[in-house]
Amino acid sequence: MIMIVSHLLYLAISLVFTVWVARTLFKNGRIFIVDAFQGNEQLADSINHLLLVGFYLINIGFVSLALKYGDRPVNTVQSIEYLSTKVGLVLVILGIMHFFNLGILSRMRRKQMQSNSLPPVRSAPLKAKFIPETVA
C-alpha cells in the first residue's frame, strides 16, 4: 500500500510542476518568439504551441519512465526519501529543459536582431590619381 501511495504522490507532484513550468514558459516566452519572428504573431503562436507540446512529451515521458526505477520503500521514512529523490530528479530535469528553452529563445532573438542590423560598410581603399605632368 505504501508503494501505491508513493507512486500516486510522485505522479501528482511531478505533473503539477511540469504543467506549472510549461505554462510559465508558454506565457512568458511568447514575447521573445513574437520578437524573433518580427511581429508575426500567428507564426510565433504556432511555434510556441509546438514547443509546449514537445516540452510536455519529453517531461511526462520522463516522469512515466522514472516511475519504475528506485528502491521500493517499506516504511514511511523510506517512502518520503523515495518521493524526495524522484521529485528532485524531475525538478532537475525541468530546470534543464527550462534553460534549454531559454537558450533556444535567446538564439532565435539574437538571429533576428542580427538580421535587422545593417551590415558594416567597408570603405574602399583610396587610390591616388595619377596626374601626368604636362610638357610645355
N, C-alpha and C. Protein backbone atom coordinates (compact mmCIF):
# COMPACT_ATOMS: atom_id res chain seq x y z
N MET A 1 0.81 -1.20 0.00
CA MET A 1 0.00 0.00 0.00
C MET A 1 0.86 1.26 0.00
N ILE A 2 1.96 1.23 0.73
CA ILE A 2 2.82 2.42 0.80
C ILE A 2 3.44 2.73 -0.55
N MET A 3 3.68 1.71 -1.35
CA MET A 3 4.25 1.91 -2.69
C MET A 3 3.24 2.60 -3.60
N ILE A 4 2.00 2.21 -3.51
CA ILE A 4 0.96 2.82 -4.35
C ILE A 4 0.79 4.29 -4.00
N VAL A 5 0.75 4.60 -2.71
CA VAL A 5 0.63 5.99 -2.27
C VAL A 5 1.83 6.80 -2.74
N SER A 6 3.03 6.24 -2.62
CA SER A 6 4.25 6.92 -3.07
C SER A 6 4.20 7.21 -4.56
N HIS A 7 3.79 6.22 -5.34
CA HIS A 7 3.69 6.40 -6.79
C HIS A 7 2.67 7.48 -7.14
N LEU A 8 1.52 7.45 -6.50
CA LEU A 8 0.49 8.43 -6.79
C LEU A 8 0.94 9.84 -6.42
N LEU A 9 1.59 9.98 -5.27
CA LEU A 9 2.12 11.29 -4.87
C LEU A 9 3.18 11.77 -5.85
N TYR A 10 4.07 10.87 -6.24
CA TYR A 10 5.12 11.21 -7.20
C TYR A 10 4.52 11.71 -8.51
N LEU A 11 3.54 10.98 -9.03
CA LEU A 11 2.91 11.38 -10.28
C LEU A 11 2.20 12.73 -10.14
N ALA A 12 1.47 12.90 -9.07
CA ALA A 12 0.73 14.16 -8.87
C ALA A 12 1.68 15.35 -8.75
N ILE A 13 2.68 15.25 -7.92
CA ILE A 13 3.63 16.36 -7.72
C ILE A 13 4.39 16.65 -8.99
N SER A 14 4.87 15.61 -9.66
CA SER A 14 5.64 15.79 -10.89
C SER A 14 4.81 16.44 -11.99
N LEU A 15 3.57 16.01 -12.13
CA LEU A 15 2.72 16.58 -13.17
C LEU A 15 2.35 18.03 -12.86
N VAL A 16 2.13 18.35 -11.60
CA VAL A 16 1.83 19.73 -11.23
C VAL A 16 3.01 20.64 -11.57
N PHE A 17 4.22 20.20 -11.21
CA PHE A 17 5.40 21.01 -11.53
C PHE A 17 5.61 21.11 -13.04
N THR A 18 5.40 20.03 -13.76
CA THR A 18 5.56 20.05 -15.22
C THR A 18 4.59 21.04 -15.87
N VAL A 19 3.34 21.00 -15.45
CA VAL A 19 2.34 21.91 -16.02
C VAL A 19 2.68 23.36 -15.65
N TRP A 20 3.10 23.58 -14.42
CA TRP A 20 3.44 24.95 -13.98
C TRP A 20 4.59 25.53 -14.80
N VAL A 21 5.68 24.76 -14.96
CA VAL A 21 6.83 25.23 -15.73
C VAL A 21 6.44 25.43 -17.20
N ALA A 22 5.68 24.50 -17.75
CA ALA A 22 5.27 24.60 -19.15
C ALA A 22 4.42 25.85 -19.39
N ARG A 23 3.47 26.11 -18.51
CA ARG A 23 2.62 27.29 -18.67
C ARG A 23 3.42 28.58 -18.52
N THR A 24 4.38 28.57 -17.60
CA THR A 24 5.23 29.75 -17.42
C THR A 24 6.05 30.02 -18.67
N LEU A 25 6.66 28.98 -19.23
CA LEU A 25 7.43 29.13 -20.46
C LEU A 25 6.54 29.57 -21.61
N PHE A 26 5.37 28.98 -21.73
CA PHE A 26 4.45 29.30 -22.82
C PHE A 26 4.02 30.77 -22.74
N LYS A 27 3.63 31.20 -21.56
CA LYS A 27 3.12 32.56 -21.38
C LYS A 27 4.22 33.60 -21.53
N ASN A 28 5.33 33.42 -20.83
CA ASN A 28 6.39 34.42 -20.81
C ASN A 28 7.36 34.32 -21.98
N GLY A 29 7.38 33.20 -22.66
CA GLY A 29 8.26 33.06 -23.81
C GLY A 29 7.66 33.61 -25.09
N ARG A 30 6.36 33.84 -25.09
CA ARG A 30 5.67 34.31 -26.29
C ARG A 30 6.26 35.60 -26.82
N ILE A 31 6.53 36.54 -25.93
CA ILE A 31 7.05 37.85 -26.37
C ILE A 31 8.39 37.71 -27.09
N PHE A 32 9.23 36.79 -26.64
CA PHE A 32 10.52 36.57 -27.31
C PHE A 32 10.31 35.95 -28.68
N ILE A 33 9.36 35.02 -28.77
CA ILE A 33 9.13 34.37 -30.04
C ILE A 33 8.50 35.34 -31.04
N VAL A 34 7.57 36.16 -30.58
CA VAL A 34 6.97 37.17 -31.47
C VAL A 34 8.06 38.11 -31.98
N ASP A 35 8.95 38.52 -31.09
CA ASP A 35 10.06 39.39 -31.48
C ASP A 35 10.99 38.69 -32.47
N ALA A 36 11.26 37.41 -32.22
CA ALA A 36 12.16 36.66 -33.10
C ALA A 36 11.57 36.49 -34.50
N PHE A 37 10.24 36.44 -34.59
CA PHE A 37 9.59 36.30 -35.89
C PHE A 37 9.05 37.64 -36.39
N GLN A 38 9.69 38.71 -35.97
CA GLN A 38 9.44 40.07 -36.45
C GLN A 38 7.96 40.45 -36.40
N GLY A 39 7.32 40.13 -35.29
CA GLY A 39 5.94 40.53 -35.07
C GLY A 39 4.90 39.63 -35.71
N ASN A 40 5.31 38.57 -36.36
CA ASN A 40 4.35 37.64 -36.97
C ASN A 40 3.74 36.78 -35.85
N GLU A 41 2.65 37.27 -35.27
CA GLU A 41 2.06 36.62 -34.10
C GLU A 41 1.50 35.24 -34.40
N GLN A 42 0.95 35.05 -35.57
CA GLN A 42 0.38 33.75 -35.92
C GLN A 42 1.48 32.68 -35.97
N LEU A 43 2.60 32.99 -36.61
CA LEU A 43 3.72 32.06 -36.67
C LEU A 43 4.32 31.85 -35.28
N ALA A 44 4.47 32.93 -34.53
CA ALA A 44 5.04 32.84 -33.18
C ALA A 44 4.17 31.97 -32.28
N ASP A 45 2.86 32.15 -32.34
CA ASP A 45 1.96 31.35 -31.51
C ASP A 45 2.01 29.87 -31.90
N SER A 46 2.14 29.62 -33.20
CA SER A 46 2.25 28.25 -33.67
C SER A 46 3.53 27.58 -33.14
N ILE A 47 4.65 28.28 -33.27
CA ILE A 47 5.93 27.75 -32.78
C ILE A 47 5.88 27.57 -31.27
N ASN A 48 5.30 28.54 -30.57
CA ASN A 48 5.20 28.47 -29.11
C ASN A 48 4.39 27.24 -28.69
N HIS A 49 3.31 26.97 -29.40
CA HIS A 49 2.48 25.80 -29.09
C HIS A 49 3.25 24.51 -29.36
N LEU A 50 3.99 24.46 -30.46
CA LEU A 50 4.79 23.26 -30.76
C LEU A 50 5.86 23.03 -29.71
N LEU A 51 6.49 24.10 -29.23
CA LEU A 51 7.47 23.97 -28.15
C LEU A 51 6.81 23.44 -26.88
N LEU A 52 5.60 23.89 -26.60
CA LEU A 52 4.87 23.44 -25.41
C LEU A 52 4.56 21.94 -25.50
N VAL A 53 4.11 21.49 -26.66
CA VAL A 53 3.80 20.07 -26.84
C VAL A 53 5.06 19.23 -26.66
N GLY A 54 6.16 19.67 -27.26
CA GLY A 54 7.42 18.94 -27.11
C GLY A 54 7.88 18.90 -25.67
N PHE A 55 7.72 20.00 -24.96
CA PHE A 55 8.09 20.07 -23.54
C PHE A 55 7.28 19.05 -22.74
N TYR A 56 5.96 19.02 -22.97
CA TYR A 56 5.11 18.05 -22.27
C TYR A 56 5.50 16.62 -22.61
N LEU A 57 5.72 16.34 -23.87
CA LEU A 57 6.07 14.97 -24.27
C LEU A 57 7.35 14.49 -23.59
N ILE A 58 8.36 15.32 -23.60
CA ILE A 58 9.64 14.92 -23.00
C ILE A 58 9.51 14.75 -21.50
N ASN A 59 8.92 15.72 -20.83
CA ASN A 59 8.87 15.66 -19.37
C ASN A 59 7.89 14.63 -18.83
N ILE A 60 6.72 14.51 -19.43
CA ILE A 60 5.78 13.50 -18.96
C ILE A 60 6.30 12.10 -19.30
N GLY A 61 6.96 11.98 -20.43
CA GLY A 61 7.59 10.71 -20.76
C GLY A 61 8.66 10.33 -19.75
N PHE A 62 9.47 11.31 -19.35
CA PHE A 62 10.50 11.05 -18.34
C PHE A 62 9.87 10.65 -17.01
N VAL A 63 8.85 11.37 -16.58
CA VAL A 63 8.16 11.06 -15.32
C VAL A 63 7.61 9.64 -15.37
N SER A 64 7.02 9.26 -16.49
CA SER A 64 6.47 7.92 -16.62
C SER A 64 7.55 6.84 -16.58
N LEU A 65 8.64 7.07 -17.29
CA LEU A 65 9.72 6.07 -17.30
C LEU A 65 10.41 5.96 -15.94
N ALA A 66 10.57 7.07 -15.26
CA ALA A 66 11.26 7.08 -13.96
C ALA A 66 10.42 6.45 -12.87
N LEU A 67 9.14 6.26 -13.09
CA LEU A 67 8.27 5.66 -12.09
C LEU A 67 8.75 4.28 -11.68
N LYS A 68 9.30 3.55 -12.59
CA LYS A 68 9.72 2.17 -12.36
C LYS A 68 11.00 2.06 -11.52
N TYR A 69 11.86 3.05 -11.59
CA TYR A 69 13.19 2.95 -11.01
C TYR A 69 13.26 3.43 -9.56
N GLY A 70 14.19 2.84 -8.82
CA GLY A 70 14.42 3.22 -7.43
C GLY A 70 14.10 2.08 -6.48
N ASP A 71 14.68 2.17 -5.30
CA ASP A 71 14.40 1.18 -4.26
C ASP A 71 12.97 1.34 -3.77
N ARG A 72 12.33 0.23 -3.55
CA ARG A 72 10.93 0.27 -3.10
C ARG A 72 10.89 0.53 -1.59
N PRO A 73 10.14 1.57 -1.20
CA PRO A 73 10.04 1.87 0.23
C PRO A 73 9.16 0.85 0.96
N VAL A 74 9.55 0.55 2.20
CA VAL A 74 8.76 -0.38 3.01
C VAL A 74 8.20 0.29 4.26
N ASN A 75 8.65 1.53 4.52
CA ASN A 75 8.11 2.26 5.66
C ASN A 75 7.95 3.73 5.27
N THR A 76 7.41 4.52 6.17
CA THR A 76 7.11 5.92 5.88
C THR A 76 8.37 6.74 5.60
N VAL A 77 9.42 6.53 6.36
CA VAL A 77 10.66 7.28 6.16
C VAL A 77 11.23 6.99 4.78
N GLN A 78 11.30 5.74 4.42
CA GLN A 78 11.80 5.37 3.10
C GLN A 78 10.89 5.91 1.99
N SER A 79 9.61 5.96 2.25
CA SER A 79 8.67 6.49 1.28
C SER A 79 8.92 7.98 1.03
N ILE A 80 9.17 8.73 2.09
CA ILE A 80 9.46 10.16 1.95
C ILE A 80 10.78 10.36 1.21
N GLU A 81 11.79 9.55 1.52
CA GLU A 81 13.07 9.64 0.82
C GLU A 81 12.92 9.26 -0.65
N TYR A 82 12.13 8.24 -0.92
CA TYR A 82 11.85 7.79 -2.29
C TYR A 82 11.20 8.93 -3.07
N LEU A 83 10.17 9.50 -2.46
CA LEU A 83 9.44 10.59 -3.10
C LEU A 83 10.33 11.81 -3.31
N SER A 84 11.14 12.13 -2.34
CA SER A 84 12.05 13.27 -2.45
C SER A 84 13.05 13.07 -3.58
N THR A 85 13.61 11.90 -3.67
CA THR A 85 14.58 11.61 -4.74
C THR A 85 13.93 11.70 -6.11
N LYS A 86 12.78 11.09 -6.25
CA LYS A 86 12.09 11.09 -7.54
C LYS A 86 11.66 12.50 -7.95
N VAL A 87 11.04 13.24 -7.04
CA VAL A 87 10.59 14.59 -7.37
C VAL A 87 11.79 15.49 -7.61
N GLY A 88 12.85 15.33 -6.82
CA GLY A 88 14.07 16.12 -7.02
C GLY A 88 14.65 15.91 -8.41
N LEU A 89 14.67 14.68 -8.87
CA LEU A 89 15.18 14.38 -10.21
C LEU A 89 14.30 15.03 -11.28
N VAL A 90 13.00 14.98 -11.09
CA VAL A 90 12.09 15.62 -12.04
C VAL A 90 12.33 17.13 -12.07
N LEU A 91 12.54 17.74 -10.90
CA LEU A 91 12.79 19.18 -10.85
C LEU A 91 14.10 19.55 -11.55
N VAL A 92 15.11 18.72 -11.40
CA VAL A 92 16.38 18.97 -12.10
C VAL A 92 16.17 18.89 -13.62
N ILE A 93 15.44 17.89 -14.07
CA ILE A 93 15.15 17.75 -15.50
C ILE A 93 14.33 18.93 -16.00
N LEU A 94 13.34 19.36 -15.21
CA LEU A 94 12.55 20.53 -15.60
C LEU A 94 13.42 21.78 -15.69
N GLY A 95 14.36 21.93 -14.75
CA GLY A 95 15.28 23.07 -14.79
C GLY A 95 16.16 23.04 -16.03
N ILE A 96 16.65 21.87 -16.38
CA ILE A 96 17.47 21.73 -17.58
C ILE A 96 16.64 22.07 -18.82
N MET A 97 15.42 21.58 -18.88
CA MET A 97 14.54 21.88 -20.01
C MET A 97 14.23 23.37 -20.08
N HIS A 98 14.05 23.98 -18.92
CA HIS A 98 13.77 25.42 -18.87
C HIS A 98 14.93 26.21 -19.47
N PHE A 99 16.16 25.89 -19.04
CA PHE A 99 17.32 26.60 -19.59
C PHE A 99 17.55 26.27 -21.05
N PHE A 100 17.23 25.06 -21.46
CA PHE A 100 17.32 24.69 -22.87
C PHE A 100 16.36 25.55 -23.70
N ASN A 101 15.12 25.69 -23.22
CA ASN A 101 14.15 26.53 -23.94
C ASN A 101 14.59 27.99 -23.95
N LEU A 102 15.13 28.48 -22.85
CA LEU A 102 15.64 29.85 -22.82
C LEU A 102 16.76 30.04 -23.83
N GLY A 103 17.62 29.04 -23.95
CA GLY A 103 18.70 29.11 -24.94
C GLY A 103 18.16 29.18 -26.36
N ILE A 104 17.14 28.40 -26.65
CA ILE A 104 16.52 28.43 -27.98
C ILE A 104 15.92 29.81 -28.24
N LEU A 105 15.17 30.32 -27.27
CA LEU A 105 14.55 31.64 -27.44
C LEU A 105 15.60 32.73 -27.61
N SER A 106 16.66 32.64 -26.83
CA SER A 106 17.72 33.64 -26.91
C SER A 106 18.40 33.60 -28.27
N ARG A 107 18.66 32.40 -28.77
CA ARG A 107 19.31 32.26 -30.07
C ARG A 107 18.41 32.78 -31.19
N MET A 108 17.11 32.48 -31.08
CA MET A 108 16.17 32.98 -32.09
C MET A 108 16.15 34.50 -32.09
N ARG A 109 16.13 35.09 -30.91
CA ARG A 109 16.08 36.55 -30.80
C ARG A 109 17.37 37.18 -31.31
N ARG A 110 18.52 36.56 -30.98
CA ARG A 110 19.81 37.08 -31.43
C ARG A 110 19.90 37.06 -32.95
N LYS A 111 19.43 35.98 -33.58
CA LYS A 111 19.44 35.91 -35.04
C LYS A 111 18.57 37.00 -35.64
N GLN A 112 17.42 37.23 -35.02
CA GLN A 112 16.52 38.27 -35.52
C GLN A 112 17.16 39.64 -35.38
N MET A 113 17.82 39.88 -34.27
CA MET A 113 18.47 41.18 -34.05
C MET A 113 19.60 41.38 -35.07
N GLN A 114 20.34 40.33 -35.36
CA GLN A 114 21.43 40.44 -36.33
C GLN A 114 20.90 40.66 -37.73
N SER A 115 19.79 40.03 -38.06
CA SER A 115 19.25 40.21 -39.41
C SER A 115 18.65 41.60 -39.61
N ASN A 116 18.25 42.25 -38.52
CA ASN A 116 17.69 43.60 -38.63
C ASN A 116 18.76 44.68 -38.67
N SER A 117 19.96 44.37 -38.23
CA SER A 117 21.01 45.39 -38.23
C SER A 117 21.64 45.46 -39.62
N LEU A 118 22.11 46.62 -39.95
CA LEU A 118 22.74 46.82 -41.26
C LEU A 118 24.14 46.23 -41.25
N PRO A 119 24.55 45.67 -42.36
CA PRO A 119 25.90 45.13 -42.41
C PRO A 119 26.92 46.27 -42.34
N PRO A 120 28.08 45.97 -41.80
CA PRO A 120 29.09 47.02 -41.72
C PRO A 120 29.50 47.49 -43.11
N VAL A 121 29.78 48.76 -43.23
CA VAL A 121 30.17 49.34 -44.51
C VAL A 121 31.69 49.36 -44.57
N ARG A 122 32.21 48.78 -45.62
CA ARG A 122 33.66 48.80 -45.81
C ARG A 122 34.01 49.98 -46.69
N SER A 123 35.00 50.69 -46.28
CA SER A 123 35.43 51.80 -47.13
C SER A 123 36.43 51.27 -48.14
N ALA A 124 36.32 51.77 -49.34
CA ALA A 124 37.23 51.36 -50.40
C ALA A 124 38.57 52.03 -50.17
N PRO A 125 39.64 51.32 -50.46
CA PRO A 125 40.95 51.96 -50.29
C PRO A 125 41.08 53.15 -51.23
N LEU A 126 41.70 54.18 -50.75
CA LEU A 126 41.90 55.37 -51.57
C LEU A 126 42.97 55.11 -52.61
N LYS A 127 42.64 55.46 -53.82
CA LYS A 127 43.62 55.30 -54.90
C LYS A 127 44.14 56.68 -55.25
N ALA A 128 45.39 56.74 -55.36
CA ALA A 128 45.99 58.02 -55.76
C ALA A 128 45.78 58.19 -57.26
N LYS A 129 45.32 59.35 -57.61
CA LYS A 129 45.13 59.61 -59.03
C LYS A 129 46.45 60.09 -59.61
N PHE A 130 46.76 59.53 -60.74
CA PHE A 130 48.00 59.93 -61.42
C PHE A 130 47.67 61.06 -62.36
N ILE A 131 48.28 62.17 -62.10
CA ILE A 131 48.10 63.32 -62.98
C ILE A 131 49.42 63.52 -63.72
N PRO A 132 49.40 63.26 -65.02
CA PRO A 132 50.66 63.40 -65.76
C PRO A 132 51.05 64.90 -65.86
N GLU A 133 52.32 65.06 -65.76
CA GLU A 133 52.80 66.45 -65.91
C GLU A 133 52.73 66.82 -67.39
N THR A 134 52.36 68.02 -67.60
CA THR A 134 52.31 68.46 -68.98
C THR A 134 53.67 69.02 -69.37
N VAL A 135 54.06 68.68 -70.54
CA VAL A 135 55.33 69.16 -71.05
C VAL A 135 55.05 70.37 -71.93
N ALA A 136 55.72 71.40 -71.63
CA ALA A 136 55.46 72.63 -72.38
C ALA A 136 56.40 72.78 -73.53
